[in-house]
Amino acid sequence: MEDGMRRDMTATMEVNGRACPVAPLSPTLGAAPTLLDVLREQVGDMSVKPGCRVGRCGGCMVLLDGQAINACLLPAYRAAGRSVITAAGIEMLPEGAIVREELVQGNAFQCGYCAPGFVIAITALMRETGGHVGRAQIRAAMSGNLCRCTGYASIERAVLRIARRVAAIPAGG
């Protein structure tokens, strides 16, 4: 432990709009828990899914200060003082609400285990592009997410509908 760092020091991060503690040392999660572990075990957000735990499946994807990241790869202390949005809070964002609605309406998933990661990846894409995307960009954005049930075609069709709706949102709205 570094000089001057106390075991009981706790920082906070904002998760889906509310302040949540981030303990730098955790007796239940080990000395350096990942953001995935803290979100599930300390915050109680089960929309962040453990999968491969090496950043390849996308099940644990979250928005960190607006950027899509794999929570299994980030030490939790690196989220201190930052904003995290999970699939459970995605409707806070106008694009996120559209993403969730269209994926549900389009029956885009079968089992749904991968859905939270896709929701995050697609929302990040829509926020970045304003909905002005082609199939190649959609496929590139989805490439970090594995789905073992659906086969991606239904997800891609939903993303095309999402893009049209997001592109129609007035600037600043």
N, C-alpha and C. Protein backbone atom coordinates (compact mmCIF):
# COMPACT_ATOMS: atom_id res chain seq x y z
N MET A 1 0.85 -1.18 0.00
CA MET A 1 0.00 0.00 0.00
C MET A 1 0.89 1.24 0.00
N GLU A 2 0.54 2.23 -0.81
CA GLU A 2 1.33 3.44 -0.91
C GLU A 2 1.25 4.23 0.38
N ASP A 3 2.36 4.97 0.66
CA ASP A 3 2.37 5.84 1.83
C ASP A 3 1.23 6.84 1.73
N GLY A 4 0.56 7.09 2.80
CA GLY A 4 -0.51 8.07 2.85
C GLY A 4 -1.87 7.55 2.37
N MET A 5 -1.91 6.36 1.83
CA MET A 5 -3.19 5.81 1.38
C MET A 5 -3.75 4.94 2.50
N ARG A 6 -4.93 5.29 2.96
CA ARG A 6 -5.55 4.53 4.03
C ARG A 6 -6.44 3.46 3.46
N ARG A 7 -6.59 2.35 4.18
CA ARG A 7 -7.46 1.26 3.74
C ARG A 7 -8.91 1.67 3.62
N ASP A 8 -9.35 2.63 4.42
CA ASP A 8 -10.76 2.98 4.42
C ASP A 8 -11.10 4.11 3.44
N MET A 9 -10.11 4.55 2.65
CA MET A 9 -10.38 5.60 1.66
C MET A 9 -11.38 5.09 0.64
N THR A 10 -12.35 5.92 0.34
CA THR A 10 -13.34 5.55 -0.66
C THR A 10 -13.57 6.74 -1.57
N ALA A 11 -13.47 6.51 -2.85
CA ALA A 11 -13.80 7.52 -3.85
C ALA A 11 -15.21 7.21 -4.34
N THR A 12 -15.73 8.08 -5.19
CA THR A 12 -17.05 7.81 -5.76
C THR A 12 -16.98 7.90 -7.28
N MET A 13 -17.91 7.23 -7.90
CA MET A 13 -18.14 7.35 -9.33
C MET A 13 -19.64 7.55 -9.48
N GLU A 14 -20.04 8.08 -10.60
CA GLU A 14 -21.46 8.25 -10.86
C GLU A 14 -21.91 7.08 -11.73
N VAL A 15 -22.88 6.32 -11.24
CA VAL A 15 -23.41 5.19 -12.00
C VAL A 15 -24.88 5.46 -12.28
N ASN A 16 -25.19 5.60 -13.54
CA ASN A 16 -26.57 5.86 -13.97
C ASN A 16 -27.19 7.04 -13.21
N GLY A 17 -26.37 8.07 -13.02
CA GLY A 17 -26.84 9.30 -12.42
C GLY A 17 -26.78 9.39 -10.91
N ARG A 18 -26.29 8.36 -10.24
CA ARG A 18 -26.19 8.46 -8.78
C ARG A 18 -24.78 8.13 -8.31
N ALA A 19 -24.39 8.78 -7.24
CA ALA A 19 -23.04 8.59 -6.70
C ALA A 19 -22.94 7.22 -6.04
N CYS A 20 -21.88 6.50 -6.36
CA CYS A 20 -21.64 5.19 -5.79
C CYS A 20 -20.19 5.12 -5.32
N PRO A 21 -19.95 4.49 -4.17
CA PRO A 21 -18.57 4.39 -3.68
C PRO A 21 -17.74 3.43 -4.52
N VAL A 22 -16.47 3.74 -4.62
CA VAL A 22 -15.50 2.85 -5.25
C VAL A 22 -14.39 2.66 -4.23
N ALA A 23 -14.40 1.53 -3.53
CA ALA A 23 -13.36 1.26 -2.54
C ALA A 23 -12.11 0.79 -3.27
N PRO A 24 -10.96 1.44 -3.04
CA PRO A 24 -9.75 1.03 -3.74
C PRO A 24 -9.27 -0.36 -3.33
N LEU A 25 -9.55 -0.76 -2.11
CA LEU A 25 -9.19 -2.10 -1.65
C LEU A 25 -10.45 -2.76 -1.11
N SER A 26 -10.71 -3.95 -1.56
CA SER A 26 -11.94 -4.62 -1.17
C SER A 26 -11.64 -6.00 -0.61
N PRO A 27 -12.06 -6.27 0.63
CA PRO A 27 -11.81 -7.59 1.19
C PRO A 27 -12.57 -8.69 0.47
N THR A 28 -13.72 -8.36 -0.16
CA THR A 28 -14.49 -9.40 -0.85
C THR A 28 -14.08 -9.59 -2.30
N LEU A 29 -13.53 -8.55 -2.92
CA LEU A 29 -13.19 -8.64 -4.33
C LEU A 29 -11.69 -8.68 -4.61
N GLY A 30 -10.87 -8.60 -3.58
CA GLY A 30 -9.43 -8.59 -3.79
C GLY A 30 -8.89 -7.17 -3.81
N ALA A 31 -7.61 -7.03 -3.98
CA ALA A 31 -6.95 -5.73 -3.88
C ALA A 31 -7.28 -4.79 -5.04
N ALA A 32 -7.51 -5.30 -6.23
CA ALA A 32 -7.76 -4.44 -7.38
C ALA A 32 -8.94 -4.98 -8.19
N PRO A 33 -10.16 -4.80 -7.69
CA PRO A 33 -11.31 -5.32 -8.43
C PRO A 33 -11.51 -4.56 -9.74
N THR A 34 -12.10 -5.24 -10.70
CA THR A 34 -12.42 -4.58 -11.96
C THR A 34 -13.71 -3.79 -11.81
N LEU A 35 -13.94 -2.91 -12.77
CA LEU A 35 -15.18 -2.16 -12.78
C LEU A 35 -16.37 -3.11 -12.88
N LEU A 36 -16.22 -4.18 -13.66
CA LEU A 36 -17.27 -5.20 -13.77
C LEU A 36 -17.64 -5.74 -12.38
N ASP A 37 -16.63 -6.12 -11.61
CA ASP A 37 -16.87 -6.69 -10.29
C ASP A 37 -17.54 -5.70 -9.35
N VAL A 38 -17.08 -4.46 -9.37
CA VAL A 38 -17.66 -3.44 -8.48
C VAL A 38 -19.11 -3.14 -8.89
N LEU A 39 -19.36 -3.03 -10.19
CA LEU A 39 -20.73 -2.74 -10.62
C LEU A 39 -21.70 -3.85 -10.21
N ARG A 40 -21.27 -5.09 -10.32
CA ARG A 40 -22.15 -6.20 -9.96
C ARG A 40 -22.21 -6.41 -8.44
N GLU A 41 -21.05 -6.48 -7.80
CA GLU A 41 -20.99 -6.88 -6.39
C GLU A 41 -21.26 -5.75 -5.40
N GLN A 42 -20.82 -4.54 -5.71
CA GLN A 42 -21.00 -3.43 -4.77
C GLN A 42 -22.19 -2.54 -5.14
N VAL A 43 -22.37 -2.29 -6.44
CA VAL A 43 -23.47 -1.42 -6.88
C VAL A 43 -24.75 -2.23 -7.07
N GLY A 44 -24.62 -3.51 -7.42
CA GLY A 44 -25.79 -4.37 -7.61
C GLY A 44 -26.40 -4.26 -9.00
N ASP A 45 -25.63 -3.80 -9.97
CA ASP A 45 -26.13 -3.65 -11.34
C ASP A 45 -25.85 -4.94 -12.11
N MET A 46 -26.88 -5.76 -12.26
CA MET A 46 -26.72 -7.05 -12.91
C MET A 46 -26.87 -6.97 -14.43
N SER A 47 -27.07 -5.75 -14.96
CA SER A 47 -27.12 -5.62 -16.42
C SER A 47 -25.73 -5.71 -17.04
N VAL A 48 -24.71 -5.59 -16.23
CA VAL A 48 -23.32 -5.72 -16.69
C VAL A 48 -22.97 -7.20 -16.55
N LYS A 49 -22.79 -7.88 -17.67
CA LYS A 49 -22.67 -9.34 -17.66
C LYS A 49 -21.22 -9.81 -17.71
N PRO A 50 -20.85 -10.73 -16.82
CA PRO A 50 -19.53 -11.34 -16.95
C PRO A 50 -19.59 -12.40 -18.04
N GLY A 51 -18.61 -12.39 -18.89
CA GLY A 51 -18.55 -13.39 -19.96
C GLY A 51 -17.14 -13.93 -20.00
N CYS A 52 -16.38 -13.43 -20.94
CA CYS A 52 -15.03 -13.95 -21.15
C CYS A 52 -14.03 -13.40 -20.13
N ARG A 53 -14.28 -12.21 -19.60
CA ARG A 53 -13.39 -11.51 -18.66
C ARG A 53 -12.03 -11.16 -19.26
N VAL A 54 -11.93 -11.16 -20.59
CA VAL A 54 -10.70 -10.74 -21.26
C VAL A 54 -10.98 -9.72 -22.38
N GLY A 55 -12.16 -9.13 -22.39
CA GLY A 55 -12.47 -8.07 -23.33
C GLY A 55 -12.85 -8.49 -24.73
N ARG A 56 -13.29 -9.72 -24.90
CA ARG A 56 -13.62 -10.19 -26.25
C ARG A 56 -15.10 -10.38 -26.53
N CYS A 57 -15.93 -10.49 -25.50
CA CYS A 57 -17.33 -10.83 -25.76
C CYS A 57 -18.28 -9.63 -25.71
N GLY A 58 -17.94 -8.56 -25.01
CA GLY A 58 -18.79 -7.38 -24.93
C GLY A 58 -19.90 -7.44 -23.90
N GLY A 59 -20.03 -8.54 -23.19
CA GLY A 59 -21.11 -8.67 -22.21
C GLY A 59 -21.05 -7.66 -21.09
N CYS A 60 -19.86 -7.17 -20.79
CA CYS A 60 -19.67 -6.25 -19.67
C CYS A 60 -19.55 -4.79 -20.11
N MET A 61 -19.89 -4.49 -21.36
CA MET A 61 -19.68 -3.15 -21.90
C MET A 61 -20.52 -2.11 -21.16
N VAL A 62 -19.89 -0.96 -20.89
CA VAL A 62 -20.54 0.19 -20.27
C VAL A 62 -20.05 1.45 -20.99
N LEU A 63 -20.74 2.55 -20.76
CA LEU A 63 -20.25 3.84 -21.22
C LEU A 63 -19.50 4.47 -20.06
N LEU A 64 -18.25 4.79 -20.26
CA LEU A 64 -17.43 5.48 -19.26
C LEU A 64 -17.14 6.86 -19.83
N ASP A 65 -17.72 7.88 -19.19
CA ASP A 65 -17.64 9.24 -19.71
C ASP A 65 -18.04 9.28 -21.18
N GLY A 66 -19.04 8.49 -21.54
CA GLY A 66 -19.59 8.49 -22.89
C GLY A 66 -18.93 7.55 -23.88
N GLN A 67 -17.86 6.90 -23.49
CA GLN A 67 -17.15 6.00 -24.40
C GLN A 67 -17.40 4.55 -24.00
N ALA A 68 -17.70 3.70 -24.99
CA ALA A 68 -17.95 2.29 -24.73
C ALA A 68 -16.64 1.60 -24.37
N ILE A 69 -16.65 0.91 -23.22
CA ILE A 69 -15.47 0.16 -22.77
C ILE A 69 -15.92 -1.18 -22.19
N ASN A 70 -15.00 -2.12 -22.14
CA ASN A 70 -15.27 -3.39 -21.48
C ASN A 70 -14.91 -3.24 -20.00
N ALA A 71 -15.89 -3.37 -19.13
CA ALA A 71 -15.68 -3.16 -17.70
C ALA A 71 -14.78 -4.22 -17.08
N CYS A 72 -14.64 -5.36 -17.74
CA CYS A 72 -13.77 -6.42 -17.20
C CYS A 72 -12.30 -6.07 -17.32
N LEU A 73 -11.97 -5.09 -18.15
CA LEU A 73 -10.57 -4.73 -18.37
C LEU A 73 -10.10 -3.54 -17.56
N LEU A 74 -11.03 -2.82 -16.94
CA LEU A 74 -10.69 -1.59 -16.24
C LEU A 74 -10.65 -1.80 -14.73
N PRO A 75 -9.51 -1.51 -14.09
CA PRO A 75 -9.50 -1.54 -12.63
C PRO A 75 -10.52 -0.51 -12.12
N ALA A 76 -11.31 -0.87 -11.15
CA ALA A 76 -12.41 -0.01 -10.68
C ALA A 76 -11.94 1.36 -10.23
N TYR A 77 -10.77 1.44 -9.62
CA TYR A 77 -10.30 2.73 -9.13
C TYR A 77 -10.14 3.75 -10.26
N ARG A 78 -9.99 3.28 -11.51
CA ARG A 78 -9.85 4.19 -12.64
C ARG A 78 -11.18 4.86 -13.00
N ALA A 79 -12.29 4.38 -12.44
CA ALA A 79 -13.60 4.99 -12.68
C ALA A 79 -13.93 6.04 -11.63
N ALA A 80 -13.10 6.20 -10.63
CA ALA A 80 -13.36 7.18 -9.57
C ALA A 80 -13.45 8.58 -10.18
N GLY A 81 -14.51 9.29 -9.79
CA GLY A 81 -14.72 10.64 -10.27
C GLY A 81 -15.28 10.72 -11.69
N ARG A 82 -15.65 9.59 -12.24
CA ARG A 82 -16.12 9.54 -13.63
C ARG A 82 -17.57 9.08 -13.69
N SER A 83 -18.16 9.20 -14.87
CA SER A 83 -19.56 8.82 -15.09
C SER A 83 -19.62 7.48 -15.81
N VAL A 84 -20.41 6.56 -15.25
CA VAL A 84 -20.63 5.24 -15.85
C VAL A 84 -22.11 5.10 -16.14
N ILE A 85 -22.42 4.71 -17.36
CA ILE A 85 -23.80 4.39 -17.70
C ILE A 85 -23.82 2.94 -18.15
N THR A 86 -24.67 2.16 -17.52
CA THR A 86 -24.83 0.75 -17.86
C THR A 86 -26.11 0.57 -18.67
N ALA A 87 -26.34 -0.62 -19.15
CA ALA A 87 -27.57 -0.89 -19.90
C ALA A 87 -28.80 -0.61 -19.05
N ALA A 88 -28.69 -0.77 -17.73
CA ALA A 88 -29.82 -0.51 -16.84
C ALA A 88 -30.19 0.97 -16.81
N GLY A 89 -29.25 1.85 -17.12
CA GLY A 89 -29.52 3.28 -17.09
C GLY A 89 -29.49 3.95 -18.45
N ILE A 90 -29.44 3.16 -19.50
CA ILE A 90 -29.24 3.70 -20.85
C ILE A 90 -30.36 4.62 -21.30
N GLU A 91 -31.54 4.47 -20.76
CA GLU A 91 -32.66 5.31 -21.18
C GLU A 91 -32.52 6.75 -20.69
N MET A 92 -31.48 7.03 -19.91
CA MET A 92 -31.17 8.41 -19.53
C MET A 92 -30.78 9.21 -20.77
N LEU A 93 -30.29 8.53 -21.77
CA LEU A 93 -29.85 9.16 -23.01
C LEU A 93 -30.94 9.01 -24.06
N PRO A 94 -31.24 10.05 -24.82
CA PRO A 94 -32.29 9.93 -25.85
C PRO A 94 -32.01 8.79 -26.83
N GLU A 95 -30.75 8.67 -27.25
CA GLU A 95 -30.39 7.60 -28.18
C GLU A 95 -30.56 6.24 -27.53
N GLY A 96 -30.24 6.15 -26.26
CA GLY A 96 -30.36 4.89 -25.53
C GLY A 96 -31.79 4.40 -25.44
N ALA A 97 -32.71 5.34 -25.23
CA ALA A 97 -34.12 4.97 -25.17
C ALA A 97 -34.59 4.43 -26.52
N ILE A 98 -34.14 5.05 -27.60
CA ILE A 98 -34.50 4.58 -28.94
C ILE A 98 -33.90 3.20 -29.19
N VAL A 99 -32.64 3.02 -28.80
CA VAL A 99 -31.96 1.73 -29.00
C VAL A 99 -32.74 0.62 -28.29
N ARG A 100 -33.04 0.83 -27.04
CA ARG A 100 -33.75 -0.20 -26.29
C ARG A 100 -35.12 -0.51 -26.91
N GLU A 101 -35.86 0.53 -27.25
CA GLU A 101 -37.20 0.34 -27.81
C GLU A 101 -37.15 -0.44 -29.12
N GLU A 102 -36.26 -0.07 -30.01
CA GLU A 102 -36.20 -0.73 -31.32
C GLU A 102 -35.69 -2.17 -31.22
N LEU A 103 -34.74 -2.43 -30.32
CA LEU A 103 -34.26 -3.80 -30.16
C LEU A 103 -35.36 -4.70 -29.63
N VAL A 104 -36.16 -4.18 -28.72
CA VAL A 104 -37.29 -4.96 -28.18
C VAL A 104 -38.35 -5.15 -29.25
N GLN A 105 -38.74 -4.05 -29.90
CA GLN A 105 -39.79 -4.12 -30.93
C GLN A 105 -39.40 -5.06 -32.08
N GLY A 106 -38.11 -5.09 -32.40
CA GLY A 106 -37.65 -5.92 -33.51
C GLY A 106 -37.30 -7.34 -33.12
N ASN A 107 -37.57 -7.71 -31.86
CA ASN A 107 -37.21 -9.05 -31.39
C ASN A 107 -35.78 -9.41 -31.81
N ALA A 108 -34.86 -8.50 -31.53
CA ALA A 108 -33.49 -8.63 -32.03
C ALA A 108 -32.69 -9.75 -31.36
N PHE A 109 -33.12 -10.20 -30.19
CA PHE A 109 -32.34 -11.19 -29.45
C PHE A 109 -33.19 -12.41 -29.12
N GLN A 110 -32.52 -13.52 -28.88
CA GLN A 110 -33.21 -14.71 -28.42
C GLN A 110 -33.04 -14.84 -26.91
N CYS A 111 -31.89 -15.27 -26.43
CA CYS A 111 -31.74 -15.47 -24.98
C CYS A 111 -31.55 -14.16 -24.25
N GLY A 112 -30.94 -13.16 -24.89
CA GLY A 112 -30.79 -11.85 -24.28
C GLY A 112 -29.54 -11.63 -23.45
N TYR A 113 -28.71 -12.64 -23.26
CA TYR A 113 -27.52 -12.46 -22.41
C TYR A 113 -26.60 -11.38 -22.99
N CYS A 114 -26.49 -11.33 -24.30
CA CYS A 114 -25.60 -10.37 -24.94
C CYS A 114 -26.23 -8.99 -25.11
N ALA A 115 -27.52 -8.88 -24.89
CA ALA A 115 -28.25 -7.65 -25.17
C ALA A 115 -27.67 -6.42 -24.49
N PRO A 116 -27.30 -6.45 -23.20
CA PRO A 116 -26.76 -5.24 -22.58
C PRO A 116 -25.51 -4.70 -23.29
N GLY A 117 -24.62 -5.58 -23.71
CA GLY A 117 -23.42 -5.12 -24.41
C GLY A 117 -23.75 -4.49 -25.75
N PHE A 118 -24.69 -5.10 -26.48
CA PHE A 118 -25.11 -4.52 -27.75
C PHE A 118 -25.79 -3.17 -27.55
N VAL A 119 -26.61 -3.06 -26.52
CA VAL A 119 -27.28 -1.79 -26.23
C VAL A 119 -26.25 -0.69 -26.03
N ILE A 120 -25.21 -0.98 -25.28
CA ILE A 120 -24.16 0.02 -25.03
C ILE A 120 -23.42 0.34 -26.33
N ALA A 121 -22.98 -0.68 -27.06
CA ALA A 121 -22.22 -0.46 -28.29
C ALA A 121 -23.02 0.35 -29.32
N ILE A 122 -24.29 0.01 -29.47
CA ILE A 122 -25.13 0.69 -30.45
C ILE A 122 -25.41 2.12 -30.02
N THR A 123 -25.66 2.32 -28.72
CA THR A 123 -25.88 3.68 -28.22
C THR A 123 -24.64 4.54 -28.43
N ALA A 124 -23.46 3.99 -28.15
CA ALA A 124 -22.22 4.75 -28.37
C ALA A 124 -22.08 5.13 -29.85
N LEU A 125 -22.39 4.20 -30.74
CA LEU A 125 -22.32 4.47 -32.17
C LEU A 125 -23.28 5.58 -32.56
N MET A 126 -24.50 5.53 -32.06
CA MET A 126 -25.50 6.54 -32.40
C MET A 126 -25.11 7.91 -31.86
N ARG A 127 -24.56 7.95 -30.67
CA ARG A 127 -24.12 9.23 -30.10
C ARG A 127 -22.94 9.81 -30.88
N GLU A 128 -22.09 8.94 -31.35
CA GLU A 128 -20.90 9.38 -32.10
C GLU A 128 -21.26 9.86 -33.51
N THR A 129 -22.21 9.22 -34.15
CA THR A 129 -22.51 9.50 -35.56
C THR A 129 -23.80 10.28 -35.78
N GLY A 130 -24.62 10.44 -34.76
CA GLY A 130 -25.90 11.09 -34.95
C GLY A 130 -26.85 10.28 -35.80
N GLY A 131 -26.56 8.98 -35.92
CA GLY A 131 -27.42 8.09 -36.70
C GLY A 131 -27.04 8.01 -38.17
N HIS A 132 -26.03 8.73 -38.56
CA HIS A 132 -25.60 8.72 -39.96
C HIS A 132 -24.55 7.64 -40.14
N VAL A 133 -25.02 6.41 -40.34
CA VAL A 133 -24.13 5.25 -40.43
C VAL A 133 -24.52 4.35 -41.59
N GLY A 134 -23.56 3.59 -42.05
CA GLY A 134 -23.82 2.57 -43.05
C GLY A 134 -23.62 1.20 -42.43
N ARG A 135 -23.89 0.19 -43.21
CA ARG A 135 -23.76 -1.19 -42.71
C ARG A 135 -22.35 -1.50 -42.22
N ALA A 136 -21.33 -1.00 -42.91
CA ALA A 136 -19.95 -1.28 -42.49
C ALA A 136 -19.66 -0.71 -41.11
N GLN A 137 -20.13 0.50 -40.83
CA GLN A 137 -19.94 1.09 -39.50
C GLN A 137 -20.71 0.31 -38.44
N ILE A 138 -21.90 -0.11 -38.78
CA ILE A 138 -22.71 -0.89 -37.84
C ILE A 138 -22.00 -2.19 -37.50
N ARG A 139 -21.54 -2.87 -38.52
CA ARG A 139 -20.85 -4.15 -38.28
C ARG A 139 -19.58 -3.95 -37.47
N ALA A 140 -18.85 -2.87 -37.75
CA ALA A 140 -17.63 -2.59 -36.99
C ALA A 140 -17.96 -2.33 -35.52
N ALA A 141 -19.02 -1.56 -35.26
CA ALA A 141 -19.42 -1.26 -33.88
C ALA A 141 -19.88 -2.50 -33.14
N MET A 142 -20.52 -3.42 -33.86
CA MET A 142 -21.03 -4.64 -33.22
C MET A 142 -19.95 -5.71 -33.10
N SER A 143 -18.82 -5.53 -33.74
CA SER A 143 -17.80 -6.59 -33.79
C SER A 143 -17.22 -6.94 -32.42
N GLY A 144 -17.33 -6.08 -31.45
CA GLY A 144 -16.83 -6.37 -30.11
C GLY A 144 -17.83 -7.11 -29.23
N ASN A 145 -18.96 -7.51 -29.80
CA ASN A 145 -20.00 -8.19 -29.04
C ASN A 145 -20.31 -9.54 -29.67
N LEU A 146 -20.32 -10.57 -28.84
CA LEU A 146 -20.63 -11.92 -29.32
C LEU A 146 -22.07 -12.28 -28.97
N CYS A 147 -22.76 -12.83 -29.95
CA CYS A 147 -24.10 -13.37 -29.75
C CYS A 147 -24.06 -14.81 -30.25
N ARG A 148 -24.43 -15.73 -29.41
CA ARG A 148 -24.38 -17.13 -29.80
C ARG A 148 -25.75 -17.66 -30.24
N CYS A 149 -26.78 -16.84 -30.18
CA CYS A 149 -28.13 -17.31 -30.52
C CYS A 149 -28.68 -16.73 -31.82
N THR A 150 -28.56 -15.42 -31.98
CA THR A 150 -29.36 -14.71 -32.97
C THR A 150 -28.77 -14.73 -34.38
N GLY A 151 -27.47 -14.60 -34.52
CA GLY A 151 -26.87 -14.57 -35.84
C GLY A 151 -26.72 -13.16 -36.40
N TYR A 152 -26.99 -12.14 -35.65
CA TYR A 152 -26.71 -10.74 -35.96
C TYR A 152 -27.64 -10.07 -36.97
N ALA A 153 -28.30 -10.79 -37.85
CA ALA A 153 -29.12 -10.15 -38.89
C ALA A 153 -30.26 -9.34 -38.27
N SER A 154 -30.93 -9.88 -37.27
CA SER A 154 -32.05 -9.16 -36.64
C SER A 154 -31.53 -7.94 -35.87
N ILE A 155 -30.35 -8.05 -35.32
CA ILE A 155 -29.76 -6.91 -34.60
C ILE A 155 -29.41 -5.81 -35.61
N GLU A 156 -28.80 -6.19 -36.72
CA GLU A 156 -28.44 -5.21 -37.74
C GLU A 156 -29.67 -4.51 -38.31
N ARG A 157 -30.74 -5.25 -38.55
CA ARG A 157 -31.98 -4.62 -39.05
C ARG A 157 -32.50 -3.60 -38.03
N ALA A 158 -32.46 -3.96 -36.76
CA ALA A 158 -32.90 -3.01 -35.72
C ALA A 158 -32.01 -1.78 -35.69
N VAL A 159 -30.71 -1.95 -35.86
CA VAL A 159 -29.79 -0.81 -35.83
C VAL A 159 -30.07 0.13 -37.00
N LEU A 160 -30.43 -0.39 -38.14
CA LEU A 160 -30.78 0.48 -39.27
C LEU A 160 -32.02 1.32 -38.95
N ARG A 161 -33.00 0.73 -38.27
CA ARG A 161 -34.19 1.50 -37.84
C ARG A 161 -33.80 2.53 -36.79
N ILE A 162 -32.94 2.13 -35.87
CA ILE A 162 -32.47 3.04 -34.82
C ILE A 162 -31.78 4.23 -35.46
N ALA A 163 -30.91 3.97 -36.43
CA ALA A 163 -30.16 5.05 -37.08
C ALA A 163 -31.10 6.07 -37.73
N ARG A 164 -32.14 5.59 -38.39
CA ARG A 164 -33.10 6.52 -39.01
C ARG A 164 -33.76 7.40 -37.95
N ARG A 165 -34.14 6.80 -36.85
CA ARG A 165 -34.80 7.58 -35.78
C ARG A 165 -33.85 8.57 -35.12
N VAL A 166 -32.62 8.13 -34.86
CA VAL A 166 -31.64 9.01 -34.22
C VAL A 166 -31.30 10.17 -35.15
N ALA A 167 -31.14 9.89 -36.44
CA ALA A 167 -30.82 10.94 -37.40
C ALA A 167 -31.93 11.99 -37.47
N ALA A 168 -33.15 11.61 -37.12
CA ALA A 168 -34.29 12.54 -37.16
C ALA A 168 -34.42 13.39 -35.90
N ILE A 169 -33.62 13.12 -34.88
CA ILE A 169 -33.66 13.91 -33.65
C ILE A 169 -33.13 15.31 -33.97
N PRO A 170 -33.89 16.35 -33.64
CA PRO A 170 -33.41 17.72 -33.89
C PRO A 170 -32.12 18.00 -33.11
N ALA A 171 -31.24 18.78 -33.68
CA ALA A 171 -29.98 19.14 -33.02
C ALA A 171 -30.27 19.74 -31.65
N GLY A 172 -29.53 19.28 -30.64
CA GLY A 172 -29.74 19.76 -29.27
C GLY A 172 -30.93 19.12 -28.59
N GLY A 173 -31.57 18.13 -29.22
CA GLY A 173 -32.78 17.55 -28.66
C GLY A 173 -32.57 16.16 -28.30
